[in-house]
Amino acid sequence: LLSRVMSVMAPFAPTPLLLLALLLLLSGGALGALSSLSSTTDFTKPPVVFMQVSDTHLDPLYDPTMPTRPQRCRSTTAPPPPCVQEYGCFGRYRCDPPASLWNSTLNAMRTVSRHLDFILLTGDTAAHRLPEKQLARDAARTVVESLHNTFPTVPLVVTIGNNDVYPRWSLKDPISNSLKELAEAWSIVFPSSEARSSFTNIGSYAYYLDENLTILSLNTLVFSPNFAQYPSGDPSIDQLQAAQFEFLSSELRKAEVAGKKVYLMGHVPPGNGVFNLELMWYPAFLDQYSQIVAQYINTIAGQFYGHTHRDHFSVQKIAGTNVVNSFLVSPSVSPDSGTNPTFRMLIANSTTFQVLDYIQYYTSLVSETAGSELEWNIEYDFQQAYNETNAGAGALLDLLRKLESDEVLFAQFTSRMQSLFNFDRFKIYCMLKAIDRATFDSCVGSAPDIWIPSS
């Protein structure tokens, strides 16, 4: 059992403390860990190991010679010229990435994963605001097919993001046609004709992983205030929104009867956004979702989202119940929002499917040099970073209490939200380096969009 997890992590050597924690945890002896596990836990079974990758935003028009705003590092011609820059060939902060960054991500995922049970891809495969529908479709297809080809024997579950439809946030084509086109682009991942048909009809589908676990890929776009291209009372949209809850309730009911556990995954998470504290879902939809979650809380083993490009979680008691609901949000591959590229490996109990731990990996575009490969490293391990025995609702509630009073821990948490990148980094460096204004302006002006180390 230990050798399996160690083989997963071997390329990125964990600390001795982490090795000891893994040994204790996987042997059933971690202090406090047993209290978080079911009494029926079978310690002879290996843990469930899976990955989550989100918001790849592959840009087929990426050009590092173009400004970040308003051009978004995007070529005016397709395809863009080959990259000959000293910096920027793997991407730039405030821009969606080229294929080279996505390929580097795939290579890193393959390097650290000697065994995976499945992969979650939580939406937004295509770049923001691509000028043509076919470009968005091709980017969506490329990301999914390349991920499948990298892990051909690993189940891949994909969810729809707001940039996977064109125009973004929109199903302005007849809904069935728009979803049908995306289903064709992602045809390689659907486990059955029934799953593909469900996605084509409502944008959600079920992946019956085995006799113990079902993964529900939810179309959460239709719950967002941004999904507002239709007049109030449009029957096709009303039906689409209602169909999500019918699908969710039906699948959870089937899983409960069968004694299975369920993972929920979607792109746009419930709650409030991290950019402008914007409302992510309409309150009525959030209430309806929360009541369904409360009803089936013993069946739902985990919830996983993306969209915000930030590393965070949410935990809250559902009104009128004693249920504490929680979900994890994975940060992005794309550095468009001023974050380092990331992906996540999760370890779950093989009986309860509760997430016990996760390891966040990242790379920094700051360290890119001409002709070199990006270096991927462990950013943090959840258990070690926050001194928790699992990543379930109770542990997240405990972490929330710690963040209220521990200023050092809160500072660490907010740094990890950005995947360790700080947009003011080069300004601070120039402030430290330069006393006179001319030198300061020259330093800042040399790298307005990406940190470039200078002598």
Foldseek 3Di string as FASTA:
>chain_A
DLVQLCLLAVVFDDDPVVSVQSVCVLVVRHVPLVVVDDPPFDSVDFWAKEWEAEQLAEDQQAACVDDCPPCLNGDPDPRDDQDPDQAANQHFFQHRGYVQLLVLVLVVNLNNGPDHQAYEYAENQHHAPDPDPVSLLQSLLVSLVVNCVSVVPHQYDYAYAQSSFPPGLECVDPQLVRQLSSCVSNVVRQPDPQQSVVCSQQRKGWDCSDLAEIEIHAECSLFFPSNPPDDPPPVSSVVSLVVRLVVLLVVLVVCVVSVHAYEYEHEQDQAFADPPRHGRGDPVSVLSVLVSCQVRVQRYQAYEYEHRLFWDKDWDQRPPDRDIDIHTYDHHQTSSNPAFGKMKMWTARPRSRHTQKMWIKTWASQPRGPPDRIDIHTLDIVCVLQVFRGPDNVRVVVSVVCCVPPVVSVVVRVCRRRPNGDLCVQLVVLVVVDDDPVSSCVSCVVPVTHNHDDD
